[in-house]
PDB file of N, CA and C in Angstrom:
ATOM      1  N   MET A   1     174.335  93.992 141.082  1.00  0.00           N
ATOM      2  CA  MET A   1     172.915  94.255 141.279  1.00  0.00           C
ATOM      3  C   MET A   1     172.310  94.651 139.979  1.00  0.00           C
ATOM      4  N   ALA A   2     171.111  94.151 139.743  1.00  0.00           N
ATOM      5  CA  ALA A   2     170.447  94.416 138.466  1.00  0.00           C
ATOM      6  C   ALA A   2     169.820  95.838 138.474  1.00  0.00           C
ATOM      7  N   GLU A   3     169.928  96.469 137.332  1.00  0.00           N
ATOM      8  CA  GLU A   3     169.407  97.830 137.207  1.00  0.00           C
ATOM      9  C   GLU A   3     168.014  97.746 136.710  1.00  0.00           C
ATOM     10  N   THR A   4     167.180  98.770 137.160  1.00  0.00           N
ATOM     11  CA  THR A   4     165.764  98.804 136.725  1.00  0.00           C
ATOM     12  C   THR A   4     165.624  99.694 135.477  1.00  0.00           C
ATOM     13  N   HIS A   5     164.798  99.256 134.532  1.00  0.00           N
ATOM     14  CA  HIS A   5     164.518  99.996 133.357  1.00  0.00           C
ATOM     15  C   HIS A   5     162.981 100.221 133.253  1.00  0.00           C
ATOM     16  N   PHE A   6     162.613 101.353 132.642  1.00  0.00           N
ATOM     17  CA  PHE A   6     161.175 101.765 132.543  1.00  0.00           C
ATOM     18  C   PHE A   6     160.820 101.881 131.087  1.00  0.00           C
ATOM     19  N   ALA A   7     159.504 101.703 130.814  1.00  0.00           N
ATOM     20  CA  ALA A   7     158.926 101.951 129.524  1.00  0.00           C
ATOM     21  C   ALA A   7     157.456 102.353 129.804  1.00  0.00           C
ATOM     22  N   HIS A   8     156.875 103.091 128.842  1.00  0.00           N
ATOM     23  CA  HIS A   8     155.487 103.484 129.089  1.00  0.00           C
ATOM     24  C   HIS A   8     154.730 103.390 127.757  1.00  0.00           C
ATOM     25  N   ALA A   9     153.383 103.488 127.911  1.00  0.00           N
ATOM     26  CA  ALA A   9     152.493 103.424 126.777  1.00  0.00           C
ATOM     27  C   ALA A   9     151.259 104.247 127.090  1.00  0.00           C
ATOM     28  N   TYR A  10     150.645 104.876 126.041  1.00  0.00           N
ATOM     29  CA  TYR A  10     149.414 105.648 126.122  1.00  0.00           C
ATOM     30  C   TYR A  10     148.332 104.984 125.251  1.00  0.00           C
ATOM     31  N   GLU A  11     147.153 104.987 125.822  1.00  0.00           N
ATOM     32  CA  GLU A  11     145.993 104.664 125.020  1.00  0.00           C
ATOM     33  C   GLU A  11     145.105 105.916 125.050  1.00  0.00           C
ATOM     34  N   LYS A  12     144.819 106.449 123.910  1.00  0.00           N
ATOM     35  CA  LYS A  12     144.058 107.667 123.906  1.00  0.00           C
ATOM     36  C   LYS A  12     142.749 107.505 123.204  1.00  0.00           C
ATOM     37  N   GLY A  13     141.758 108.280 123.655  1.00  0.00           N
ATOM     38  CA  GLY A  13     140.456 108.347 123.025  1.00  0.00           C
ATOM     39  C   GLY A  13     139.607 107.099 123.237  1.00  0.00           C
ATOM     40  N   ILE A  14     139.683 106.477 124.304  1.00  0.00           N
ATOM     41  CA  ILE A  14     138.877 105.365 124.704  1.00  0.00           C
ATOM     42  C   ILE A  14     137.448 105.789 125.047  1.00  0.00           C
ATOM     43  N   ASP A  15     136.500 105.215 124.362  1.00  0.00           N
ATOM     44  CA  ASP A  15     135.137 105.789 124.470  1.00  0.00           C
ATOM     45  C   ASP A  15     134.377 105.226 125.780  1.00  0.00           C
ATOM     46  N   ILE A  16     135.030 105.349 126.873  1.00  0.00           N
ATOM     47  CA  ILE A  16     134.491 104.943 128.134  1.00  0.00           C
ATOM     48  C   ILE A  16     134.823 106.069 129.106  1.00  0.00           C
ATOM     49  N   GLN A  17     133.843 106.412 130.051  1.00  0.00           N
ATOM     50  CA  GLN A  17     134.130 107.465 131.004  1.00  0.00           C
ATOM     51  C   GLN A  17     135.275 107.146 131.882  1.00  0.00           C
ATOM     52  N   PRO A  18     136.090 108.240 132.235  1.00  0.00           N
ATOM     53  CA  PRO A  18     137.292 107.967 133.128  1.00  0.00           C
ATOM     54  C   PRO A  18     137.050 107.374 134.419  1.00  0.00           C
ATOM     55  N   ARG A  19     135.879 107.700 134.984  1.00  0.00           N
ATOM     56  CA  ARG A  19     135.711 107.180 136.372  1.00  0.00           C
ATOM     57  C   ARG A  19     135.396 105.649 136.324  1.00  0.00           C
ATOM     58  N   LYS A  20     134.805 105.181 135.148  1.00  0.00           N
ATOM     59  CA  LYS A  20     134.616 103.756 135.039  1.00  0.00           C
ATOM     60  C   LYS A  20     135.914 103.014 134.691  1.00  0.00           C
ATOM     61  N   THR A  21     136.729 103.665 133.862  1.00  0.00           N
ATOM     62  CA  THR A  21     137.974 103.100 133.457  1.00  0.00           C
ATOM     63  C   THR A  21     138.999 103.038 134.684  1.00  0.00           C
ATOM     64  N   ASN A  22     138.894 104.073 135.543  1.00  0.00           N
ATOM     65  CA  ASN A  22     139.799 104.125 136.690  1.00  0.00           C
ATOM     66  C   ASN A  22     139.465 102.976 137.736  1.00  0.00           C
ATOM     67  N   ILE A  23     138.251 102.531 137.745  1.00  0.00           N
ATOM     68  CA  ILE A  23     137.895 101.405 138.673  1.00  0.00           C
ATOM     69  C   ILE A  23     138.679 100.198 138.186  1.00  0.00           C
ATOM     70  N   VAL A  24     138.705  99.902 136.906  1.00  0.00           N
ATOM     71  CA  VAL A  24     139.445  98.807 136.359  1.00  0.00           C
ATOM     72  C   VAL A  24     140.927  98.894 136.541  1.00  0.00           C
ATOM     73  N   ALA A  25     141.447 100.173 136.319  1.00  0.00           N
ATOM     74  CA  ALA A  25     142.893 100.354 136.475  1.00  0.00           C
ATOM     75  C   ALA A  25     143.313 100.215 137.946  1.00  0.00           C
ATOM     76  N   SER A  26     142.445 100.485 138.867  1.00  0.00           N
ATOM     77  CA  SER A  26     142.867 100.292 140.252  1.00  0.00           C
ATOM     78  C   SER A  26     142.949  98.820 140.647  1.00  0.00           C
ATOM     79  N   LEU A  27     142.330  97.883 139.874  1.00  0.00           N
ATOM     80  CA  LEU A  27     142.430  96.497 140.212  1.00  0.00           C
ATOM     81  C   LEU A  27     143.841  95.966 139.964  1.00  0.00           C
ATOM     82  N   VAL A  28     144.575  96.555 139.023  1.00  0.00           N
ATOM     83  CA  VAL A  28     145.893  96.043 138.661  1.00  0.00           C
ATOM     84  C   VAL A  28     147.042  96.942 139.023  1.00  0.00           C
ATOM     85  N   ARG A  29     146.781  98.004 139.784  1.00  0.00           N
ATOM     86  CA  ARG A  29     147.829  98.928 140.187  1.00  0.00           C
ATOM     87  C   ARG A  29     148.836  98.207 141.100  1.00  0.00           C
ATOM     88  N   ASP A  30     150.099  98.432 140.826  1.00  0.00           N
ATOM     89  CA  ASP A  30     151.214  97.875 141.654  1.00  0.00           C
ATOM     90  C   ASP A  30     151.265  96.328 141.609  1.00  0.00           C
ATOM     91  N   ARG A  31     150.926  95.753 140.485  1.00  0.00           N
ATOM     92  CA  ARG A  31     151.000  94.249 140.283  1.00  0.00           C
ATOM     93  C   ARG A  31     152.018  93.905 139.199  1.00  0.00           C
ATOM     94  N   TYR A  32     152.399  92.683 139.120  1.00  0.00           N
ATOM     95  CA  TYR A  32     153.193  92.127 138.110  1.00  0.00           C
ATOM     96  C   TYR A  32     152.358  92.111 136.756  1.00  0.00           C
ATOM     97  N   VAL A  33     152.962  92.229 135.614  1.00  0.00           N
ATOM     98  CA  VAL A  33     152.211  92.367 134.356  1.00  0.00           C
ATOM     99  C   VAL A  33     151.493  90.984 134.106  1.00  0.00           C
ATOM    100  N   ALA A  34     152.108  89.863 134.349  1.00  0.00           N
ATOM    101  CA  ALA A  34     151.520  88.585 134.092  1.00  0.00           C
ATOM    102  C   ALA A  34     150.242  88.431 134.963  1.00  0.00           C
ATOM    103  N   ASP A  35     150.291  88.811 136.171  1.00  0.00           N
ATOM    104  CA  ASP A  35     149.101  88.764 137.051  1.00  0.00           C
ATOM    105  C   ASP A  35     148.042  89.695 136.615  1.00  0.00           C
ATOM    106  N   ALA A  36     148.426  90.862 136.179  1.00  0.00           N
ATOM    107  CA  ALA A  36     147.437  91.913 135.752  1.00  0.00           C
ATOM    108  C   ALA A  36     146.670  91.458 134.539  1.00  0.00           C
ATOM    109  N   VAL A  37     147.400  90.871 133.601  1.00  0.00           N
ATOM    110  CA  VAL A  37     146.692  90.383 132.327  1.00  0.00           C
ATOM    111  C   VAL A  37     145.697  89.324 132.629  1.00  0.00           C
ATOM    112  N   VAL A  38     146.031  88.385 133.575  1.00  0.00           N
ATOM    113  CA  VAL A  38     145.079  87.346 133.940  1.00  0.00           C
ATOM    114  C   VAL A  38     143.822  87.950 134.618  1.00  0.00           C
ATOM    115  N   ILE A  39     144.091  88.904 135.543  1.00  0.00           N
ATOM    116  CA  ILE A  39     142.979  89.578 136.179  1.00  0.00           C
ATOM    117  C   ILE A  39     142.061  90.243 135.188  1.00  0.00           C
ATOM    118  N   LEU A  40     142.649  91.012 134.275  1.00  0.00           N
ATOM    119  CA  LEU A  40     141.822  91.833 133.312  1.00  0.00           C
ATOM    120  C   LEU A  40     141.095  90.854 132.285  1.00  0.00           C
ATOM    121  N   GLU A  41     141.639  89.712 131.939  1.00  0.00           N
ATOM    122  CA  GLU A  41     140.964  88.802 131.092  1.00  0.00           C
ATOM    123  C   GLU A  41     139.718  88.263 131.685  1.00  0.00           C
ATOM    124  N   ASN A  42     139.661  88.199 133.002  1.00  0.00           N
ATOM    125  CA  ASN A  42     138.493  87.677 133.738  1.00  0.00           C
ATOM    126  C   ASN A  42     137.634  88.746 134.351  1.00  0.00           C
ATOM    127  N   THR A  43     137.838  90.041 134.035  1.00  0.00           N
ATOM    128  CA  THR A  43     137.067  91.126 134.514  1.00  0.00           C
ATOM    129  C   THR A  43     135.943  91.422 133.536  1.00  0.00           C
ATOM    130  N   PRO A  44     134.681  91.419 133.914  1.00  0.00           N
ATOM    131  CA  PRO A  44     133.561  91.588 132.951  1.00  0.00           C
ATOM    132  C   PRO A  44     133.182  93.038 132.735  1.00  0.00           C
ATOM    133  N   ARG A  45     134.132  93.853 132.470  1.00  0.00           N
ATOM    134  CA  ARG A  45     133.882  95.290 132.243  1.00  0.00           C
ATOM    135  C   ARG A  45     134.470  95.663 130.850  1.00  0.00           C
ATOM    136  N   LYS A  46     133.778  96.602 130.154  1.00  0.00           N
ATOM    137  CA  LYS A  46     134.262  97.034 128.844  1.00  0.00           C
ATOM    138  C   LYS A  46     135.663  97.656 128.884  1.00  0.00           C
ATOM    139  N   ALA A  47     135.946  98.336 129.956  1.00  0.00           N
ATOM    140  CA  ALA A  47     137.263  99.090 130.065  1.00  0.00           C
ATOM    141  C   ALA A  47     138.414  98.090 130.279  1.00  0.00           C
ATOM    142  N   ALA A  48     138.181  96.855 130.683  1.00  0.00           N
ATOM    143  CA  ALA A  48     139.191  95.887 130.972  1.00  0.00           C
ATOM    144  C   ALA A  48     140.010  95.568 129.731  1.00  0.00           C
ATOM    145  N   THR A  49     139.391  95.603 128.515  1.00  0.00           N
ATOM    146  CA  THR A  49     140.143  95.307 127.258  1.00  0.00           C
ATOM    147  C   THR A  49     141.058  96.445 126.934  1.00  0.00           C
ATOM    148  N   ALA A  50     140.615  97.681 127.197  1.00  0.00           N
ATOM    149  CA  ALA A  50     141.451  98.823 126.861  1.00  0.00           C
ATOM    150  C   ALA A  50     142.687  98.907 127.801  1.00  0.00           C
ATOM    151  N   VAL A  51     142.412  98.620 129.091  1.00  0.00           N
ATOM    152  CA  VAL A  51     143.554  98.667 130.051  1.00  0.00           C
ATOM    153  C   VAL A  51     144.553  97.580 129.767  1.00  0.00           C
ATOM    154  N   ARG A  52     144.020  96.350 129.408  1.00  0.00           N
ATOM    155  CA  ARG A  52     144.906  95.259 129.153  1.00  0.00           C
ATOM    156  C   ARG A  52     145.795  95.551 127.844  1.00  0.00           C
ATOM    157  N   LYS A  53     145.170  96.161 126.872  1.00  0.00           N
ATOM    158  CA  LYS A  53     145.947  96.554 125.663  1.00  0.00           C
ATOM    159  C   LYS A  53     147.037  97.556 125.998  1.00  0.00           C
ATOM    160  N   ALA A  54     146.774  98.489 126.859  1.00  0.00           N
ATOM    161  CA  ALA A  54     147.798  99.469 127.290  1.00  0.00           C
ATOM    162  C   ALA A  54     148.897  98.875 128.043  1.00  0.00           C
ATOM    163  N   ILE A  55     148.578  97.847 128.935  1.00  0.00           N
ATOM    164  CA  ILE A  55     149.630  97.228 129.687  1.00  0.00           C
ATOM    165  C   ILE A  55     150.479  96.354 128.815  1.00  0.00           C
ATOM    166  N   GLU A  56     149.802  95.608 127.863  1.00  0.00           N
ATOM    167  CA  GLU A  56     150.590  94.756 126.993  1.00  0.00           C
ATOM    168  C   GLU A  56     151.493  95.581 126.059  1.00  0.00           C
ATOM    169  N   SER A  57     151.037  96.786 125.672  1.00  0.00           N
ATOM    170  CA  SER A  57     151.796  97.637 124.795  1.00  0.00           C
ATOM    171  C   SER A  57     153.054  98.121 125.554  1.00  0.00           C
ATOM    172  N   ALA A  58     152.848  98.573 126.802  1.00  0.00           N
ATOM    173  CA  ALA A  58     154.064  99.036 127.630  1.00  0.00           C
ATOM    174  C   ALA A  58     154.988  97.880 127.897  1.00  0.00           C
ATOM    175  N   ASN A  59     154.422  96.688 128.130  1.00  0.00           N
ATOM    176  CA  ASN A  59     155.345  95.535 128.229  1.00  0.00           C
ATOM    177  C   ASN A  59     156.177  95.242 127.055  1.00  0.00           C
ATOM    178  N   ALA A  60     155.537  95.314 125.892  1.00  0.00           N
ATOM    179  CA  ALA A  60     156.264  95.069 124.608  1.00  0.00           C
ATOM    180  C   ALA A  60     157.279  96.158 124.405  1.00  0.00           C
ATOM    181  N   ASN A  61     156.929  97.461 124.694  1.00  0.00           N
ATOM    182  CA  ASN A  61     157.914  98.526 124.561  1.00  0.00           C
ATOM    183  C   ASN A  61     159.212  98.278 125.429  1.00  0.00           C
ATOM    184  N   LEU A  62     158.939  97.792 126.606  1.00  0.00           N
ATOM    185  CA  LEU A  62     160.112  97.480 127.530  1.00  0.00           C
ATOM    186  C   LEU A  62     160.953  96.345 127.044  1.00  0.00           C
ATOM    187  N   LEU A  63     160.331  95.289 126.506  1.00  0.00           N
ATOM    188  CA  LEU A  63     161.068  94.120 126.063  1.00  0.00           C
ATOM    189  C   LEU A  63     161.727  94.370 124.686  1.00  0.00           C
ATOM    190  N   ASN A  64     161.128  95.141 123.822  1.00  0.00           N
ATOM    191  CA  ASN A  64     161.665  95.333 122.427  1.00  0.00           C
ATOM    192  C   ASN A  64     162.639  96.526 122.295  1.00  0.00           C
ATOM    193  N   ASN A  65     162.308  97.580 123.007  1.00  0.00           N
ATOM    194  CA  ASN A  65     163.044  98.806 122.847  1.00  0.00           C
ATOM    195  C   ASN A  65     164.174  99.012 123.813  1.00  0.00           C
ATOM    196  N   SER A  66     164.310  98.153 124.812  1.00  0.00           N
ATOM    197  CA  SER A  66     165.405  98.293 125.707  1.00  0.00           C
ATOM    198  C   SER A  66     166.696  97.744 125.109  1.00  0.00           C
ATOM    199  N   LYS A  67     167.806  98.357 125.432  1.00  0.00           N
ATOM    200  CA  LYS A  67     169.076  97.947 124.823  1.00  0.00           C
ATOM    201  C   LYS A  67     169.701  96.752 125.529  1.00  0.00           C
ATOM    202  N   VAL A  68     169.171  96.478 126.757  1.00  0.00           N
ATOM    203  CA  VAL A  68     169.680  95.319 127.516  1.00  0.00           C
ATOM    204  C   VAL A  68     168.548  94.282 127.574  1.00  0.00           C
ATOM    205  N   SER A  69     168.811  93.032 127.876  1.00  0.00           N
ATOM    206  CA  SER A  69     167.797  92.043 128.025  1.00  0.00           C
ATOM    207  C   SER A  69     167.114  92.193 129.365  1.00  0.00           C
ATOM    208  N   ILE A  70     165.783  92.114 129.335  1.00  0.00           N
ATOM    209  CA  ILE A  70     164.981  92.272 130.565  1.00  0.00           C
ATOM    210  C   ILE A  70     164.437  90.906 130.953  1.00  0.00           C
ATOM    211  N   ASP A  71     164.376  90.621 132.208  1.00  0.00           N
ATOM    212  CA  ASP A  71     163.795  89.387 132.727  1.00  0.00           C
ATOM    213  C   ASP A  71     162.273  89.598 132.770  1.00  0.00           C
ATOM    214  N   PRO A  72     161.531  88.819 131.920  1.00  0.00           N
ATOM    215  CA  PRO A  72     160.082  89.042 131.890  1.00  0.00           C
ATOM    216  C   PRO A  72     159.298  88.749 133.238  1.00  0.00           C
ATOM    217  N   LYS A  73     159.888  87.966 134.079  1.00  0.00           N
ATOM    218  CA  LYS A  73     159.231  87.655 135.380  1.00  0.00           C
ATOM    219  C   LYS A  73     159.318  88.865 136.309  1.00  0.00           C
ATOM    220  N   THR A  74     160.173  89.817 136.103  1.00  0.00           N
ATOM    221  CA  THR A  74     160.302  90.951 137.032  1.00  0.00           C
ATOM    222  C   THR A  74     159.570  92.190 136.582  1.00  0.00           C
ATOM    223  N   ILE A  75     158.863  92.149 135.463  1.00  0.00           N
ATOM    224  CA  ILE A  75     158.131  93.319 134.943  1.00  0.00           C
ATOM    225  C   ILE A  75     156.880  93.570 135.818  1.00  0.00           C
ATOM    226  N   ARG A  76     156.795  94.750 136.396  1.00  0.00           N
ATOM    227  CA  ARG A  76     155.672  95.135 137.169  1.00  0.00           C
ATOM    228  C   ARG A  76     155.136  96.513 136.674  1.00  0.00           C
ATOM    229  N   ILE A  77     153.911  96.785 137.073  1.00  0.00           N
ATOM    230  CA  ILE A  77     153.252  98.045 136.734  1.00  0.00           C
ATOM    231  C   ILE A  77     153.810  99.087 137.790  1.00  0.00           C
ATOM    232  N   ALA A  78     154.573 100.068 137.264  1.00  0.00           N
ATOM    233  CA  ALA A  78     155.100 101.175 138.172  1.00  0.00           C
ATOM    234  C   ALA A  78     154.040 102.159 138.415  1.00  0.00           C
ATOM    235  N   ARG A  79     153.446 102.672 137.328  1.00  0.00           N
ATOM    236  CA  ARG A  79     152.351 103.642 137.451  1.00  0.00           C
ATOM    237  C   ARG A  79     151.304 103.395 136.394  1.00  0.00           C
ATOM    238  N   ILE A  80     150.051 103.613 136.780  1.00  0.00           N
ATOM    239  CA  ILE A  80     148.919 103.492 135.815  1.00  0.00           C
ATOM    240  C   ILE A  80     147.911 104.579 136.313  1.00  0.00           C
ATOM    241  N   PHE A  81     147.535 105.387 135.364  1.00  0.00           N
ATOM    242  CA  PHE A  81     146.466 106.381 135.725  1.00  0.00           C
ATOM    243  C   PHE A  81     145.659 106.675 134.527  1.00  0.00           C
ATOM    244  N   VAL A  82     144.423 107.119 134.758  1.00  0.00           N
ATOM    245  CA  VAL A  82     143.421 107.480 133.766  1.00  0.00           C
ATOM    246  C   VAL A  82     143.070 108.913 133.828  1.00  0.00           C
ATOM    247  N   THR A  83     143.110 109.586 132.734  1.00  0.00           N
ATOM    248  CA  THR A  83     142.706 110.979 132.568  1.00  0.00           C
ATOM    249  C   THR A  83     141.519 111.107 131.616  1.00  0.00           C
ATOM    250  N   SER A  84     140.818 112.267 131.747  1.00  0.00           N
ATOM    251  CA  SER A  84     139.764 112.488 130.792  1.00  0.00           C
ATOM    252  C   SER A  84     140.341 112.864 129.419  1.00  0.00           C
ATOM    253  N   GLY A  85     139.739 112.426 128.390  1.00  0.00           N
ATOM    254  CA  GLY A  85     140.199 112.752 127.047  1.00  0.00           C
ATOM    255  C   GLY A  85     139.234 113.820 126.439  1.00  0.00           C
ATOM    256  N   THR A  86     139.131 113.783 125.137  1.00  0.00           N
ATOM    257  CA  THR A  86     138.258 114.821 124.428  1.00  0.00           C
ATOM    258  C   THR A  86     136.828 114.554 124.754  1.00  0.00           C
ATOM    259  N   ARG A  87     136.074 115.607 124.728  1.00  0.00           N
ATOM    260  CA  ARG A  87     134.616 115.500 124.919  1.00  0.00           C
ATOM    261  C   ARG A  87     133.867 115.856 123.629  1.00  0.00           C
ATOM    262  N   MET A  88     132.995 114.989 123.255  1.00  0.00           N
ATOM    263  CA  MET A  88     132.147 115.284 122.098  1.00  0.00           C
ATOM    264  C   MET A  88     130.830 115.849 122.559  1.00  0.00           C
ATOM    265  N   ARG A  89     130.493 117.005 122.061  1.00  0.00           N
ATOM    266  CA  ARG A  89     129.264 117.652 122.431  1.00  0.00           C
ATOM    267  C   ARG A  89     128.109 117.183 121.463  1.00  0.00           C
ATOM    268  N   ARG A  90     127.045 116.681 122.115  1.00  0.00           N
ATOM    269  CA  ARG A  90     125.929 116.112 121.335  1.00  0.00           C
ATOM    270  C   ARG A  90     124.677 116.756 121.952  1.00  0.00           C
ATOM    271  N   TYR A  91     123.531 116.505 121.194  1.00  0.00           N
ATOM    272  CA  TYR A  91     122.257 117.102 121.632  1.00  0.00           C
ATOM    273  C   TYR A  91     121.225 115.896 121.632  1.00  0.00           C
ATOM    274  N   MET A  92     120.348 115.920 122.619  1.00  0.00           N
ATOM    275  CA  MET A  92     119.300 114.913 122.713  1.00  0.00           C
ATOM    276  C   MET A  92     117.928 115.620 122.543  1.00  0.00           C
ATOM    277  N   PRO A  93     116.992 115.088 121.846  1.00  0.00           N
ATOM    278  CA  PRO A  93     115.688 115.637 121.768  1.00  0.00           C
ATOM    279  C   PRO A  93     114.903 115.708 123.074  1.00  0.00           C
ATOM    280  N   ALA A  94     114.253 116.788 123.326  1.00  0.00           N
ATOM    281  CA  ALA A  94     113.489 116.975 124.540  1.00  0.00           C
ATOM    282  C   ALA A  94     112.090 117.364 124.096  1.00  0.00           C
ATOM    283  N   SER A  95     111.232 117.517 125.094  1.00  0.00           N
ATOM    284  CA  SER A  95     109.858 117.899 124.848  1.00  0.00           C
ATOM    285  C   SER A  95     109.721 119.316 124.220  1.00  0.00           C
ATOM    286  N   ARG A  96     108.607 119.582 123.596  1.00  0.00           N
ATOM    287  CA  ARG A  96     108.314 120.873 122.977  1.00  0.00           C
ATOM    288  C   ARG A  96     109.275 121.327 121.903  1.00  0.00           C
ATOM    289  N   GLY A  97     109.927 120.369 121.223  1.00  0.00           N
ATOM    290  CA  GLY A  97     110.847 120.666 120.179  1.00  0.00           C
ATOM    291  C   GLY A  97     112.215 121.195 120.607  1.00  0.00           C
ATOM    292  N   ARG A  98     112.535 121.075 121.848  1.00  0.00           N
ATOM    293  CA  ARG A  98     113.842 121.513 122.397  1.00  0.00           C
ATOM    294  C   ARG A  98     114.911 120.437 122.069  1.00  0.00           C
ATOM    295  N   ALA A  99     116.150 120.898 122.316  1.00  0.00           N
ATOM    296  CA  ALA A  99     117.334 120.018 122.252  1.00  0.00           C
ATOM    297  C   ALA A  99     118.180 120.324 123.418  1.00  0.00           C
ATOM    298  N   LEU A 100     118.409 119.278 124.242  1.00  0.00           N
ATOM    299  CA  LEU A 100     119.264 119.410 125.414  1.00  0.00           C
ATOM    300  C   LEU A 100     120.699 118.901 125.171  1.00  0.00           C
ATOM    301  N   PRO A 101     121.710 119.698 125.551  1.00  0.00           N
ATOM    302  CA  PRO A 101     123.060 119.267 125.311  1.00  0.00           C
ATOM    303  C   PRO A 101     123.569 118.179 126.298  1.00  0.00           C
ATOM    304  N   PHE A 102     124.442 117.321 125.829  1.00  0.00           N
ATOM    305  CA  PHE A 102     125.215 116.370 126.710  1.00  0.00           C
ATOM    306  C   PHE A 102     126.516 116.142 126.098  1.00  0.00           C
ATOM    307  N   GLU A 103     127.417 115.632 126.853  1.00  0.00           N
ATOM    308  CA  GLU A 103     128.836 115.325 126.415  1.00  0.00           C
ATOM    309  C   GLU A 103     129.125 113.806 126.495  1.00  0.00           C
ATOM    310  N   LYS A 104     129.792 113.352 125.441  1.00  0.00           N
ATOM    311  CA  LYS A 104     130.324 111.976 125.477  1.00  0.00           C
ATOM    312  C   LYS A 104     131.814 112.139 125.894  1.00  0.00           C
ATOM    313  N   ILE A 105     132.150 111.612 127.024  1.00  0.00           N
ATOM    314  CA  ILE A 105     133.542 111.841 127.531  1.00  0.00           C
ATOM    315  C   ILE A 105     134.331 110.576 127.263  1.00  0.00           C
ATOM    316  N   SER A 106     135.597 110.769 126.771  1.00  0.00           N
ATOM    317  CA  SER A 106     136.535 109.695 126.483  1.00  0.00           C
ATOM    318  C   SER A 106     137.647 109.675 127.551  1.00  0.00           C
ATOM    319  N   SER A 107     138.427 108.604 127.588  1.00  0.00           N
ATOM    320  CA  SER A 107     139.479 108.365 128.501  1.00  0.00           C
ATOM    321  C   SER A 107     140.884 108.276 127.876  1.00  0.00           C
ATOM    322  N   ASN A 108     141.892 108.703 128.553  1.00  0.00           N
ATOM    323  CA  ASN A 108     143.305 108.425 128.151  1.00  0.00           C
ATOM    324  C   ASN A 108     143.861 107.567 129.250  1.00  0.00           C
ATOM    325  N   ILE A 109     144.578 106.555 128.866  1.00  0.00           N
ATOM    326  CA  ILE A 109     145.240 105.613 129.880  1.00  0.00           C
ATOM    327  C   ILE A 109     146.684 105.700 129.651  1.00  0.00           C
ATOM    328  N   PHE A 110     147.407 105.938 130.808  1.00  0.00           N
ATOM    329  CA  PHE A 110     148.882 105.966 130.862  1.00  0.00           C
ATOM    330  C   PHE A 110     149.384 104.802 131.651  1.00  0.00           C
ATOM    331  N   VAL A 111     150.263 103.948 131.119  1.00  0.00           N
ATOM    332  CA  VAL A 111     150.833 102.913 131.842  1.00  0.00           C
ATOM    333  C   VAL A 111     152.318 102.956 131.841  1.00  0.00           C
ATOM    334  N   GLU A 112     153.022 102.799 132.944  1.00  0.00           N
ATOM    335  CA  GLU A 112     154.494 102.750 133.007  1.00  0.00           C
ATOM    336  C   GLU A 112     154.861 101.420 133.675  1.00  0.00           C
ATOM    337  N   VAL A 113     155.710 100.663 133.042  1.00  0.00           N
ATOM    338  CA  VAL A 113     156.218  99.389 133.594  1.00  0.00           C
ATOM    339  C   VAL A 113     157.647  99.473 133.916  1.00  0.00           C
ATOM    340  N   ALA A 114     158.064  98.698 134.893  1.00  0.00           N
ATOM    341  CA  ALA A 114     159.489  98.615 135.215  1.00  0.00           C
ATOM    342  C   ALA A 114     159.949  97.133 135.262  1.00  0.00           C
ATOM    343  N   GLY A 115     161.081  96.901 134.807  1.00  0.00           N
ATOM    344  CA  GLY A 115     161.695  95.571 134.805  1.00  0.00           C
ATOM    345  C   GLY A 115     163.174  95.647 135.066  1.00  0.00           C
ATOM    346  N   GLU A 116     163.732  94.518 135.524  1.00  0.00           N
ATOM    347  CA  GLU A 116     165.157  94.491 135.848  1.00  0.00           C
ATOM    348  C   GLU A 116     165.903  93.672 134.810  1.00  0.00           C
ATOM    349  N   GLU A 117     167.195  93.979 134.681  1.00  0.00           N
ATOM    350  CA  GLU A 117     168.063  93.264 133.734  1.00  0.00           C
ATOM    351  C   GLU A 117     168.172  91.794 134.082  1.00  0.00           C
ATOM    352  N   LYS A 118     168.448  90.951 133.071  1.00  0.00           N
ATOM    353  CA  LYS A 118     168.751  89.583 133.346  1.00  0.00           C
ATOM    354  C   LYS A 118     170.117  89.490 133.952  1.00  0.00           C
ATOM    355  N   GLU A 119     170.267  88.564 134.931  1.00  0.00           N
ATOM    356  CA  GLU A 119     171.630  88.410 135.516  1.00  0.00           C
ATOM    357  C   GLU A 119     172.482  87.652 134.505  1.00  0.00           C
ATOM    358  N   LYS A 120     173.662  88.092 134.263  1.00  0.00           N
ATOM    359  CA  LYS A 120     174.567  87.499 133.328  1.00  0.00           C
ATOM    360  C   LYS A 120     175.318  86.410 134.124  1.00  0.00           C
ATOM    361  N   LYS A 121     175.468  85.239 133.437  1.00  0.00           N
ATOM    362  CA  LYS A 121     176.110  84.097 134.083  1.00  0.00           C
ATOM    363  C   LYS A 121     177.616  84.303 133.885  1.00  0.00           C
ATOM    364  N   GLU A 122     178.336  84.182 134.936  1.00  0.00           N
ATOM    365  CA  GLU A 122     179.744  84.384 134.841  1.00  0.00           C
ATOM    366  C   GLU A 122     180.466  83.013 134.515  1.00  0.00           C
ATOM    367  N   LYS A 123     181.434  83.088 133.623  1.00  0.00           N
ATOM    368  CA  LYS A 123     182.175  81.894 133.300  1.00  0.00           C
ATOM    369  C   LYS A 123     183.285  81.651 134.329  1.00  0.00           C
ATOM    370  N   LYS A 124     183.501  80.441 134.675  1.00  0.00           N
ATOM    371  CA  LYS A 124     184.563  80.078 135.707  1.00  0.00           C
ATOM    372  C   LYS A 124     185.829  79.590 135.021  1.00  0.00           C
TER     373      LYS A 124
END
């Protein structure tokens, strides 16, 4: 039986709010990596590029850093979640010479992929 191997990747400091990024991440949750990349290439949201980069990075980590050969067809997204990153505090001009504060919120994306070993052909 083939053993399952895991790899992960982080994308930090994405300048998109986490709730908007999480909508895109939920589109590809629990899917195969090949299907997820196709979905994200056709998603017209700014966060789709960042999520796709994180998935492709985790995929490359699994294929290149694993000590055994992994079957690319079996690689799926095991976990993907979005957390809030650093907040930049800024000020916006208001009436009567005042300045009102607001925050620019960034996102962190965590992706973990899982893949199975290639079956070794036995010699007869």
